Amino acid sequence: MKDGKGYSGYYRTRYGAWKGSIQRRGDRFRVYIHNPPTDQLKQHSRWVCFYWKRKGIYEINLSLNPRGKDIDSIIFYVEQILCESFEMER
């Protein structure tokens, strides 16, 4: 859902849904997820991109901003990481 400063909603996968938001600051995006599945994500190589901010909110550092400022590609990227983290062998 688009609001005044960005987007908010849920990252949805077959493993669950996690509240999140994407804020645009000029040509840069700030990506957040609330109470992510940290036990699973810690096994993923992209876990190093998740930074705890406060009260269960993590900022996700994008290695590159999406071309064309495509919000859908950011959402897909986060959902892909979430799925991969659940599908990794332990």
C-alpha atoms as a PDB file:
ATOM      1  CA  MET A   1       0.000   0.000   0.000  1.00  0.00           C
ATOM      2  CA  LYS A   2       1.440   3.361  -0.980  1.00  0.00           C
ATOM      3  CA  ASP A   3       1.526   6.054   1.668  1.00  0.00           C
ATOM      4  CA  GLY A   4       2.958   9.556   1.611  1.00  0.00           C
ATOM      5  CA  LYS A   5       6.616   8.604   2.038  1.00  0.00           C
ATOM      6  CA  GLY A   6       6.786   5.120   0.577  1.00  0.00           C
ATOM      7  CA  TYR A   7       5.118   1.742   0.757  1.00  0.00           C
ATOM      8  CA  SER A   8       3.993  -0.540   3.560  1.00  0.00           C
ATOM      9  CA  GLY A   9       2.509  -4.003   3.640  1.00  0.00           C
ATOM     10  CA  TYR A  10       3.658  -7.590   4.001  1.00  0.00           C
ATOM     11  CA  TYR A  11       6.379  -9.684   2.440  1.00  0.00           C
ATOM     12  CA  ARG A  12       4.437 -12.873   1.684  1.00  0.00           C
ATOM     13  CA  THR A  13       5.845 -16.347   1.111  1.00  0.00           C
ATOM     14  CA  ARG A  14       4.546 -19.890   1.518  1.00  0.00           C
ATOM     15  CA  TYR A  15       6.384 -19.895   4.870  1.00  0.00           C
ATOM     16  CA  GLY A  16       4.617 -16.877   6.329  1.00  0.00           C
ATOM     17  CA  ALA A  17       4.116 -13.143   6.021  1.00  0.00           C
ATOM     18  CA  TRP A  18       6.178 -10.395   7.613  1.00  0.00           C
ATOM     19  CA  LYS A  19       5.246  -6.758   7.910  1.00  0.00           C
ATOM     20  CA  GLY A  20       7.557  -4.366   6.124  1.00  0.00           C
ATOM     21  CA  SER A  21       7.998  -0.999   4.525  1.00  0.00           C
ATOM     22  CA  ILE A  22      10.015   0.657   1.792  1.00  0.00           C
ATOM     23  CA  GLN A  23      10.869   4.333   2.065  1.00  0.00           C
ATOM     24  CA  ARG A  24      12.282   6.330  -0.812  1.00  0.00           C
ATOM     25  CA  ARG A  25      14.917   8.971  -0.116  1.00  0.00           C
ATOM     26  CA  GLY A  26      15.753  10.614  -3.430  1.00  0.00           C
ATOM     27  CA  ASP A  27      17.265   7.900  -5.606  1.00  0.00           C
ATOM     28  CA  ARG A  28      17.837   5.547  -2.655  1.00  0.00           C
ATOM     29  CA  PHE A  29      15.466   3.124  -0.967  1.00  0.00           C
ATOM     30  CA  ARG A  30      15.379   2.138   2.694  1.00  0.00           C
ATOM     31  CA  VAL A  31      13.890  -1.323   3.146  1.00  0.00           C
ATOM     32  CA  TYR A  32      12.513  -2.604   6.467  1.00  0.00           C
ATOM     33  CA  ILE A  33      11.070  -5.843   7.824  1.00  0.00           C
ATOM     34  CA  HIS A  34       9.399  -6.335  11.193  1.00  0.00           C
ATOM     35  CA  ASN A  35      10.232  -9.391  13.301  1.00  0.00           C
ATOM     36  CA  PRO A  36      11.801 -11.439  10.514  1.00  0.00           C
ATOM     37  CA  PRO A  37      12.506 -15.173  10.981  1.00  0.00           C
ATOM     38  CA  THR A  38      16.037 -14.595  12.265  1.00  0.00           C
ATOM     39  CA  ASP A  39      16.754 -18.265  13.031  1.00  0.00           C
ATOM     40  CA  GLN A  40      16.300 -19.114   9.363  1.00  0.00           C
ATOM     41  CA  LEU A  41      17.850 -15.923   7.977  1.00  0.00           C
ATOM     42  CA  LYS A  42      21.060 -16.395   9.961  1.00  0.00           C
ATOM     43  CA  GLN A  43      21.795 -19.400   7.709  1.00  0.00           C
ATOM     44  CA  HIS A  44      21.545 -17.270   4.541  1.00  0.00           C
ATOM     45  CA  SER A  45      24.532 -15.456   3.033  1.00  0.00           C
ATOM     46  CA  ARG A  46      22.465 -12.251   2.843  1.00  0.00           C
ATOM     47  CA  TRP A  47      21.920 -12.177   6.627  1.00  0.00           C
ATOM     48  CA  VAL A  48      24.805  -9.700   6.806  1.00  0.00           C
ATOM     49  CA  CYS A  49      22.539  -7.232   4.956  1.00  0.00           C
ATOM     50  CA  PHE A  50      19.995  -7.189   7.821  1.00  0.00           C
ATOM     51  CA  TYR A  51      20.618  -4.549  10.473  1.00  0.00           C
ATOM     52  CA  TRP A  52      18.645  -4.379  13.709  1.00  0.00           C
ATOM     53  CA  LYS A  53      17.188  -0.910  14.166  1.00  0.00           C
ATOM     54  CA  ARG A  54      14.768  -1.072  17.101  1.00  0.00           C
ATOM     55  CA  LYS A  55      11.931  -3.105  18.595  1.00  0.00           C
ATOM     56  CA  GLY A  56      12.196  -5.998  16.153  1.00  0.00           C
ATOM     57  CA  ILE A  57      12.586  -3.822  13.071  1.00  0.00           C
ATOM     58  CA  TYR A  58      15.455  -4.611  10.729  1.00  0.00           C
ATOM     59  CA  GLU A  59      16.719  -2.513   7.842  1.00  0.00           C
ATOM     60  CA  ILE A  60      17.800  -4.486   4.782  1.00  0.00           C
ATOM     61  CA  ASN A  61      20.790  -3.020   2.992  1.00  0.00           C
ATOM     62  CA  LEU A  62      20.379  -3.395  -0.761  1.00  0.00           C
ATOM     63  CA  SER A  63      23.649  -4.029  -2.545  1.00  0.00           C
ATOM     64  CA  LEU A  64      22.283  -2.074  -5.513  1.00  0.00           C
ATOM     65  CA  ASN A  65      19.197   0.048  -5.901  1.00  0.00           C
ATOM     66  CA  PRO A  66      16.827  -1.399  -8.497  1.00  0.00           C
ATOM     67  CA  ARG A  67      16.984  -0.065 -12.016  1.00  0.00           C
ATOM     68  CA  GLY A  68      13.981   1.983 -12.971  1.00  0.00           C
ATOM     69  CA  LYS A  69      13.130   2.460  -9.269  1.00  0.00           C
ATOM     70  CA  ASP A  70      10.976  -0.672  -9.392  1.00  0.00           C
ATOM     71  CA  ILE A  71       9.375  -1.294  -5.992  1.00  0.00           C
ATOM     72  CA  ASP A  72       8.168  -4.741  -7.120  1.00  0.00           C
ATOM     73  CA  SER A  73      11.763  -5.865  -7.668  1.00  0.00           C
ATOM     74  CA  ILE A  74      12.624  -4.910  -4.077  1.00  0.00           C
ATOM     75  CA  ILE A  75       9.655  -6.857  -2.730  1.00  0.00           C
ATOM     76  CA  PHE A  76      10.563  -9.867  -4.872  1.00  0.00           C
ATOM     77  CA  TYR A  77      14.184  -9.710  -3.672  1.00  0.00           C
ATOM     78  CA  VAL A  78      13.189  -9.727   0.017  1.00  0.00           C
ATOM     79  CA  GLU A  79      10.651 -12.527  -0.486  1.00  0.00           C
ATOM     80  CA  GLN A  80      13.241 -14.550  -2.371  1.00  0.00           C
ATOM     81  CA  ILE A  81      15.728 -14.261   0.503  1.00  0.00           C
ATOM     82  CA  LEU A  82      13.010 -15.313   2.959  1.00  0.00           C
ATOM     83  CA  CYS A  83      12.095 -18.391   0.894  1.00  0.00           C
ATOM     84  CA  GLU A  84      15.720 -19.396   0.352  1.00  0.00           C
ATOM     85  CA  SER A  85      16.427 -19.132   4.078  1.00  0.00           C
ATOM     86  CA  PHE A  86      13.672 -21.658   4.844  1.00  0.00           C
ATOM     87  CA  GLU A  87      14.758 -23.991   2.038  1.00  0.00           C
ATOM     88  CA  MET A  88      18.433 -24.197   3.023  1.00  0.00           C
ATOM     89  CA  GLU A  89      19.743 -27.473   4.398  1.00  0.00           C
ATOM     90  CA  ARG A  90      20.628 -27.298   8.029  1.00  0.00           C
END
